[in-house]
Structures are given as structure tokens and as C-alpha cells.
Amino acid sequence: MTITKFRAFLATVECGSFTEAAKRLYYTQSAVSRMVSDLESQWGVALLNRKKTGLTLTPAGAALLPYIRQICSDEMRLNGVLQDMTGLKQGVVRLGTVTAVANEWLPIVLKKLMQEAPGIEYEVLIGNGDVIDDWLKEDRIDVGLFTPKCDGNLNAELLHLDEFRVIFPKGHPLSKYKKIPLRVLQDYPYILHGASWCKELENGLKHGKQRIPVRYTTVGATSIVNLVKAGIGVSILPELLLENDKAKVESRPLDPPLYRKLFVVTHGTPTMPAVKVFLERLPALLKKRAKKS
């Protein structure tokens, strides 16, 4: 069937190789390669450049990719609607999210959802805000859990206020504060996390007319926590990023408080039953998680 060949081409582009696409689709590598070659022969155009360094899209492949992706997405939605009509609790939910959400929320949420509807499958991609934004617009995912840019083409609903907390070594002078005024952070070396969510922190600081001199910039919450623990400096991280490392350092809320806003984001109105179920159940499951913790 042509739709199967479309899926083979799409998976090859997303995975970057026939071998990885074959693993995703549960085919042999030669079968996936043959299906892509069949499309090329049928259409009389080359879709992929095959080199020793890897696969890349040809101009024709790049031009046709959005249409093939749309056809595969529509076919998946059609199957979901048909399954809903016949009472089958099946389908696929494609999620894109940031590392903290994937680590702290999804294991609990997906475990519960899979108990309630074991026929629904979940695909999870992890990236930064810009990448997840692109995945939504390309229809590569159904739902994003992240902090999006202001974009009228995306539907975003506030899901969680993730409080920023100041972290510092145990026994540090900042430990005397219950809430830490921004102005006192100017007196200590500051380690900045170079992630996209830092824009929210920067905007909050500008609104409060505060400026914190940055001495170091790096990425990775655990790396920053370890630098702080070693006495290299102090930092500010969203609470969710501190879950696994909070015992290593001390932390306090800011005064006034600042928050990273996490949203559940879709591109258009979801039609697939499995996606609708996920969106309906997610807020309640997160509330249960918050009460337990």
C-alpha cells in the first residue's frame, strides 16, 4: 500500500537512517529501503541523497515531505475516529516535551493512563521550546508540554506555574532568608542556565528593574547544582528541574516570586479520541501527583 511506503519515507527522514526507521516500524532495513525506492521509481524523482555520511533530503524530497506528513497524520486521525465509533480504546498520542516534564511528570501520568486504556500507545520526543514548536507546526506531534512563544497558530492552555528558586551551597549567607530579594544576588557570582526558559526569568528581572551580573553560563540543571554545591556561585532554577538534586544544595523562593509557565499546547483542535482523552485526564493526574508530593 502507498500509505505504508509514505510511513517508511517519513520514518527514514525523522530517524536519519533506514536502519533506525526499520526498528521503529518493525520492518527489515532492506524492506524500508525498498519502499522508499519504490516511491522514487513511481514518481520519477529522487527523494533522498544516499551518502556514506548519511541520508539527506533532496530538493524534491524536501518539497514533498510536508504533504506526505499530512497524509500520514490524516490517516492516523481517521483510524482513531473509526476506532472510537466502534468502541475500541486504541490509538497513538505523540508528545513533545522538555526534559524536566519527561523525567518528573510523564512516568506517573503515562503509567496511570496506560492502566486506564492499555490499547493507547505513546510516542515521546524530548527537545527545547523552539524544536517542540516546530514539531507541532510540522504535525510531527499532537501535544506539546512546554513554554511556547507567543504564536497565534498554536492553542496553549496554562498547565503549571513552576516557581523559580534561588539555589546556594549549604551554610551560605543566603540561608538566613526565608525569601530572597533579587537585589542581594548582585553580591554573589551567578551561574546562568542557557535554556530558552531563561527568557521568562530575564523578563521578570527586567520588570522588577533588577540586574544580576552573570559570571558563568552553562546548560544542564545537574551541572549547575554541582557547581553551586562546590561553591562556584549561586543560581536560579525552576523547581521542577531541582527534583532530583534538591538535597545537594539549599534553595529559597524569590521575593517577589517568579514563575516559569508550562502549557499544554496543540496545533489546531485535536480530533483523535486518544489525544482528547490525554488532554482531558492530564490536569487531574497532575493534581494527584502534586498532592502526593
Protein backbone atom coordinates (compact mmCIF):
# COMPACT_ATOMS: atom_id res chain seq x y z
CA MET A 1 0.00 0.00 0.00
CA THR A 2 1.17 3.55 -0.74
CA ILE A 3 0.43 4.76 2.81
CA THR A 4 2.89 2.14 4.12
CA LYS A 5 5.55 3.50 1.79
CA PHE A 6 4.75 7.02 2.95
CA ARG A 7 5.29 5.93 6.54
CA ALA A 8 8.60 4.30 5.59
CA PHE A 9 9.82 7.52 3.94
CA LEU A 10 8.65 9.68 6.84
CA ALA A 11 10.27 7.44 9.45
CA THR A 12 13.54 7.39 7.49
CA VAL A 13 13.64 11.20 7.38
CA GLU A 14 12.83 11.51 11.10
CA CYS A 15 15.28 8.78 12.18
CA GLY A 16 18.04 9.73 9.76
CA SER A 17 18.70 6.20 8.53
CA PHE A 18 16.98 3.15 7.06
CA THR A 19 18.21 1.03 9.97
CA GLU A 20 16.64 3.19 12.68
CA ALA A 21 13.45 3.61 10.65
CA ALA A 22 13.21 -0.17 10.35
CA LYS A 23 13.45 -0.52 14.14
CA ARG A 24 10.65 1.99 14.62
CA LEU A 25 8.37 0.34 12.06
CA TYR A 26 9.30 -3.28 12.86
CA TYR A 27 10.47 -3.97 9.31
CA THR A 28 13.81 -5.09 7.97
CA GLN A 29 16.25 -2.44 6.82
CA SER A 30 16.04 -3.71 3.25
CA ALA A 31 12.22 -3.51 3.28
CA VAL A 32 12.25 0.15 4.33
CA SER A 33 14.91 1.00 1.74
CA ARG A 34 12.92 -0.81 -0.96
CA MET A 35 9.69 1.04 -0.10
CA VAL A 36 11.40 4.42 -0.42
CA SER A 37 12.99 3.33 -3.71
CA ASP A 38 9.53 2.24 -4.95
CA LEU A 39 8.19 5.75 -4.30
CA GLU A 40 11.13 7.27 -6.16
CA SER A 41 10.57 4.96 -9.14
CA GLN A 42 6.81 5.58 -9.11
CA TRP A 43 7.21 9.38 -9.05
CA GLY A 44 10.36 9.62 -11.16
CA VAL A 45 12.22 11.79 -8.61
CA ALA A 46 14.96 11.19 -6.06
CA LEU A 47 13.70 11.74 -2.51
CA LEU A 48 16.92 11.04 -0.59
CA ASN A 49 20.63 11.57 -1.11
CA ARG A 50 22.37 8.37 -0.06
CA LYS A 51 25.94 9.01 1.04
CA LYS A 52 28.43 7.31 3.32
CA THR A 53 27.98 10.17 5.78
CA GLY A 54 24.21 9.53 5.96
CA LEU A 55 20.89 10.35 4.33
CA THR A 56 19.70 13.83 3.41
CA LEU A 57 16.62 15.11 1.65
CA THR A 58 16.86 16.09 -2.00
CA PRO A 59 15.06 19.30 -3.04
CA ALA A 60 12.19 17.13 -4.32
CA GLY A 61 12.09 15.19 -1.05
CA ALA A 62 12.01 18.40 0.98
CA ALA A 63 9.17 19.77 -1.16
CA LEU A 64 7.07 16.60 -0.86
CA LEU A 65 7.76 15.92 2.85
CA PRO A 66 5.03 18.23 4.28
CA TYR A 67 2.38 16.62 2.06
CA ILE A 68 3.44 13.09 2.99
CA ARG A 69 3.49 14.01 6.68
CA GLN A 70 -0.02 15.46 6.38
CA ILE A 71 -1.34 12.33 4.65
CA CYS A 72 0.13 10.07 7.37
CA SER A 73 -1.32 12.28 10.12
CA ASP A 74 -4.75 12.33 8.49
CA GLU A 75 -4.71 8.56 8.09
CA MET A 76 -3.84 8.15 11.78
CA ARG A 77 -6.66 10.52 12.77
CA LEU A 78 -9.11 8.65 10.56
CA ASN A 79 -8.20 5.37 12.24
CA GLY A 80 -8.65 6.98 15.65
CA VAL A 81 -12.13 8.25 14.82
CA LEU A 82 -13.15 4.88 13.37
CA GLN A 83 -11.87 3.08 16.45
CA ASP A 84 -13.82 5.46 18.65
CA MET A 85 -17.01 4.76 16.67
CA THR A 86 -16.58 1.02 17.14
CA GLY A 87 -15.73 1.32 20.83
CA LEU A 88 -12.06 0.31 20.55
CA LYS A 89 -9.82 2.04 23.08
CA GLN A 90 -6.85 2.32 20.76
CA GLY A 91 -4.74 4.99 19.12
CA VAL A 92 -1.43 6.84 19.36
CA VAL A 93 -0.63 10.03 21.26
CA ARG A 94 2.52 11.80 20.04
CA LEU A 95 4.03 14.02 22.72
CA GLY A 96 6.82 16.59 22.60
CA THR A 97 8.18 17.94 25.86
CA VAL A 98 11.15 19.28 27.79
CA THR A 99 13.46 17.11 29.89
CA ALA A 100 12.06 18.08 33.29
CA VAL A 101 8.49 17.21 32.32
CA ALA A 102 9.61 13.94 30.74
CA ASN A 103 11.51 12.98 33.90
CA GLU A 104 9.12 14.14 36.60
CA TRP A 105 5.59 14.07 35.17
CA LEU A 106 5.30 11.60 32.35
CA PRO A 107 6.30 8.37 34.16
CA ILE A 108 3.45 8.82 36.66
CA VAL A 109 0.92 10.23 34.19
CA LEU A 110 1.52 7.67 31.44
CA LYS A 111 1.51 4.75 33.87
CA LYS A 112 -1.96 5.73 35.07
CA LEU A 113 -3.28 6.40 31.56
CA MET A 114 -1.94 3.09 30.26
CA GLN A 115 -3.72 1.29 33.11
CA GLU A 116 -6.99 3.00 32.17
CA ALA A 117 -6.63 2.44 28.40
CA PRO A 118 -3.92 -0.15 27.66
CA GLY A 119 -4.63 -0.03 23.91
CA ILE A 120 -3.37 3.54 23.56
CA GLU A 121 0.31 3.97 22.66
CA TYR A 122 2.50 6.98 23.42
CA GLU A 123 5.43 8.38 21.46
CA VAL A 124 7.56 10.91 23.39
CA LEU A 125 10.08 13.27 21.81
CA ILE A 126 12.27 15.49 24.00
CA GLY A 127 13.60 18.86 22.88
CA ASN A 128 13.77 22.55 23.69
CA GLY A 129 10.98 25.06 23.20
CA ASP A 130 11.91 26.05 19.65
CA VAL A 131 12.16 22.44 18.49
CA ILE A 132 8.83 21.44 20.08
CA ASP A 133 7.23 24.48 18.47
CA ASP A 134 8.44 23.27 15.06
CA TRP A 135 7.26 19.70 15.73
CA LEU A 136 3.74 20.98 16.39
CA LYS A 137 3.63 23.09 13.24
CA GLU A 138 5.02 20.22 11.15
CA ASP A 139 2.37 17.88 12.65
CA ARG A 140 5.08 15.58 13.93
CA ILE A 141 3.48 15.60 17.40
CA ASP A 142 -0.08 16.04 18.67
CA VAL A 143 0.62 17.70 22.03
CA GLY A 144 3.45 19.82 23.41
CA LEU A 145 4.17 20.24 27.12
CA PHE A 146 6.47 23.25 27.33
CA THR A 147 6.71 27.05 27.35
CA PRO A 148 5.77 28.22 23.85
CA LYS A 149 6.49 31.52 22.17
CA CYS A 150 3.53 33.81 21.58
CA ASP A 151 2.08 32.34 18.39
CA GLY A 152 -1.49 32.70 17.17
CA ASN A 153 -1.24 29.41 15.24
CA LEU A 154 -0.95 27.37 18.45
CA ASN A 155 -3.56 26.68 21.12
CA ALA A 156 -1.99 26.93 24.56
CA GLU A 157 -3.57 26.39 27.97
CA LEU A 158 -1.69 27.11 31.19
CA LEU A 159 -0.94 23.84 32.95
CA HIS A 160 1.50 24.64 35.75
CA LEU A 161 3.34 27.52 37.41
CA ASP A 162 6.86 26.26 38.04
CA GLU A 163 8.36 28.52 40.70
CA PHE A 164 11.91 29.81 40.28
CA ARG A 165 14.09 29.14 43.33
CA VAL A 166 17.48 30.50 44.30
CA ILE A 167 19.98 27.72 44.98
CA PHE A 168 23.17 28.09 47.01
CA PRO A 169 25.63 25.91 48.99
CA LYS A 170 24.61 24.68 52.41
CA GLY A 171 25.67 27.12 55.11
CA HIS A 172 25.78 30.03 52.64
CA PRO A 173 24.92 33.56 53.91
CA LEU A 174 21.70 33.43 51.83
CA SER A 175 20.36 30.71 54.14
CA LYS A 176 19.23 33.39 56.60
CA TYR A 177 16.48 34.46 54.20
CA LYS A 178 13.05 32.79 54.02
CA LYS A 179 12.53 34.56 50.70
CA ILE A 180 15.45 36.06 48.82
CA PRO A 181 15.21 39.63 47.46
CA LEU A 182 16.66 39.89 43.97
CA ARG A 183 18.93 42.78 44.94
CA VAL A 184 21.09 40.63 47.27
CA LEU A 185 22.04 38.29 44.41
CA GLN A 186 24.19 41.05 42.93
CA ASP A 187 26.74 40.34 45.66
CA TYR A 188 27.50 36.75 44.60
CA PRO A 189 28.86 35.05 41.46
CA TYR A 190 25.86 33.97 39.42
CA ILE A 191 25.60 30.86 37.20
CA LEU A 192 23.10 31.23 34.35
CA HIS A 193 21.33 28.28 32.74
CA GLY A 194 21.46 28.88 28.98
CA ALA A 195 17.99 27.47 28.19
CA SER A 196 15.08 29.12 26.41
CA TRP A 197 13.01 29.29 29.60
CA CYS A 198 15.56 31.77 30.97
CA LYS A 199 13.76 34.42 28.92
CA GLU A 200 10.93 34.29 31.45
CA LEU A 201 13.40 34.82 34.25
CA GLU A 202 15.09 37.66 32.39
CA ASN A 203 11.73 39.31 31.70
CA GLY A 204 10.82 39.02 35.37
CA LEU A 205 14.08 40.60 36.41
CA LYS A 206 13.64 43.46 33.93
CA HIS A 207 10.09 44.06 35.14
CA GLY A 208 11.43 44.35 38.68
CA LYS A 209 14.23 46.60 37.41
CA GLN A 210 16.83 44.19 38.76
CA ARG A 211 20.04 43.08 37.13
CA ILE A 212 22.14 40.12 38.23
CA PRO A 213 25.73 40.11 36.94
CA VAL A 214 26.33 36.75 35.23
CA ARG A 215 29.75 35.20 35.90
CA TYR A 216 29.17 31.80 34.30
CA THR A 217 26.80 30.33 31.72
CA THR A 218 26.20 26.62 31.17
CA VAL A 219 23.42 24.13 30.44
CA GLY A 220 22.09 21.20 32.42
CA ALA A 221 20.41 21.56 35.80
CA THR A 222 22.52 18.85 37.44
CA SER A 223 25.73 20.53 36.25
CA ILE A 224 24.61 23.83 37.74
CA VAL A 225 23.61 22.20 41.03
CA ASN A 226 27.04 20.57 41.27
CA LEU A 227 28.79 23.89 40.55
CA VAL A 228 26.71 25.56 43.24
CA LYS A 229 27.41 22.74 45.68
CA ALA A 230 31.14 23.22 45.05
CA GLY A 231 30.85 26.90 45.98
CA ILE A 232 31.45 28.27 42.47
CA GLY A 233 28.40 30.54 42.66
CA VAL A 234 24.64 30.75 43.15
CA SER A 235 21.89 30.23 40.60
CA ILE A 236 18.16 30.28 39.95
CA LEU A 237 16.35 27.21 38.61
CA PRO A 238 12.69 26.22 38.15
CA GLU A 239 11.54 23.96 40.96
CA LEU A 240 10.76 21.09 38.61
CA LEU A 241 14.40 20.95 37.48
CA LEU A 242 15.53 20.58 41.10
CA GLU A 243 13.51 17.45 41.88
CA ASN A 244 16.41 15.00 41.60
CA ASP A 245 19.17 17.23 43.06
CA LYS A 246 17.48 19.37 45.71
CA ALA A 247 19.18 17.51 48.59
CA LYS A 248 22.61 18.65 47.36
CA VAL A 249 22.01 22.37 47.94
CA GLU A 250 19.74 24.78 49.79
CA SER A 251 17.02 26.69 47.98
CA ARG A 252 14.63 29.55 48.68
CA PRO A 253 11.83 31.26 46.72
CA LEU A 254 12.39 34.72 45.30
CA ASP A 255 10.90 37.90 46.72
CA PRO A 256 8.85 38.83 44.75
CA PRO A 257 8.19 35.35 43.34
CA LEU A 258 8.80 34.50 39.67
CA TYR A 259 7.44 31.55 37.72
CA ARG A 260 8.10 29.57 34.57
CA LYS A 261 4.76 28.96 32.88
CA LEU A 262 4.28 25.47 31.45
CA PHE A 263 1.50 24.99 28.94
CA VAL A 264 -0.25 22.14 27.17
CA VAL A 265 -0.10 23.12 23.50
CA THR A 266 -1.78 21.83 20.35
CA HIS A 267 -1.78 22.96 16.74
CA GLY A 268 -5.46 23.35 15.96
CA THR A 269 -8.29 21.43 17.63
CA PRO A 270 -7.44 17.75 18.32
CA THR A 271 -9.78 15.26 16.67
CA MET A 272 -8.21 11.92 17.60
CA PRO A 273 -10.02 10.27 20.53
CA ALA A 274 -6.78 9.10 22.17
CA VAL A 275 -5.41 12.67 22.16
CA LYS A 276 -8.68 14.01 23.56
CA VAL A 277 -8.55 11.51 26.42
CA PHE A 278 -4.97 12.51 27.20
CA LEU A 279 -5.85 16.21 27.28
CA GLU A 280 -8.91 15.62 29.43
CA ARG A 281 -7.12 13.46 32.02
CA LEU A 282 -3.78 15.28 32.24
CA PRO A 283 -4.74 18.17 34.61
CA ALA A 284 -6.42 15.85 37.13
CA LEU A 285 -3.50 13.41 37.12
CA LEU A 286 -1.03 16.24 37.73
CA LYS A 287 -3.10 17.47 40.67
CA LYS A 288 -2.98 13.98 42.18
CA ARG A 289 0.77 13.92 41.71
CA ALA A 290 1.14 17.31 43.43
CA LYS A 291 -0.89 16.16 46.44
CA LYS A 292 1.23 13.01 46.85
CA SER A 293 4.49 15.01 46.71
